[in-house]
Amino acid sequence: AATKRKGTDALRRCENNHQESFRENARRVG
């Protein structure tokens, strides 16, 4: 369970990073 939670946390962090970069790109383009 701990390993699963750790993986989910990493996934969420990666998704957050992706979303932030996407938002920055949109701001740069728009």
C-alpha atoms as a PDB file:
ATOM      1  CA  ALA A   1       0.000   0.000   0.000  1.00  0.00           C
ATOM      2  CA  ALA A   2       2.838   2.383   0.889  1.00  0.00           C
ATOM      3  CA  THR A   3       4.512   1.742  -2.451  1.00  0.00           C
ATOM      4  CA  LYS A   4       1.250   2.354  -4.287  1.00  0.00           C
ATOM      5  CA  ARG A   5       0.701   5.609  -2.417  1.00  0.00           C
ATOM      6  CA  LYS A   6       4.263   6.673  -3.208  1.00  0.00           C
ATOM      7  CA  GLY A   7       3.733   5.950  -6.901  1.00  0.00           C
ATOM      8  CA  THR A   8       0.474   7.902  -6.911  1.00  0.00           C
ATOM      9  CA  ASP A   9       2.187  10.842  -5.227  1.00  0.00           C
ATOM     10  CA  ALA A  10       4.941  10.842  -7.844  1.00  0.00           C
ATOM     11  CA  LEU A  11       2.370  10.586 -10.616  1.00  0.00           C
ATOM     12  CA  ARG A  12       0.394  13.486  -9.195  1.00  0.00           C
ATOM     13  CA  ARG A  13       3.579  15.558  -8.907  1.00  0.00           C
ATOM     14  CA  CYS A  14       4.473  14.765 -12.518  1.00  0.00           C
ATOM     15  CA  GLU A  15       0.962  15.709 -13.636  1.00  0.00           C
ATOM     16  CA  ASN A  16       1.210  18.969 -11.701  1.00  0.00           C
ATOM     17  CA  ASN A  17       4.509  19.739 -13.404  1.00  0.00           C
ATOM     18  CA  HIS A  18       3.010  18.979 -16.815  1.00  0.00           C
ATOM     19  CA  GLN A  19      -0.020  21.180 -16.131  1.00  0.00           C
ATOM     20  CA  GLU A  20       2.144  24.071 -14.967  1.00  0.00           C
ATOM     21  CA  SER A  21       4.384  23.863 -18.039  1.00  0.00           C
ATOM     22  CA  PHE A  22       1.287  23.668 -20.249  1.00  0.00           C
ATOM     23  CA  ARG A  23      -0.158  26.771 -18.585  1.00  0.00           C
ATOM     24  CA  GLU A  24       3.137  28.610 -19.054  1.00  0.00           C
ATOM     25  CA  ASN A  25       3.220  27.657 -22.734  1.00  0.00           C
ATOM     26  CA  ALA A  26      -0.351  28.894 -23.196  1.00  0.00           C
ATOM     27  CA  ARG A  27       0.557  32.175 -21.509  1.00  0.00           C
ATOM     28  CA  ARG A  28       3.579  32.541 -23.795  1.00  0.00           C
ATOM     29  CA  VAL A  29       1.547  31.812 -26.938  1.00  0.00           C
ATOM     30  CA  GLY A  30      -1.603  33.700 -25.969  1.00  0.00           C
END
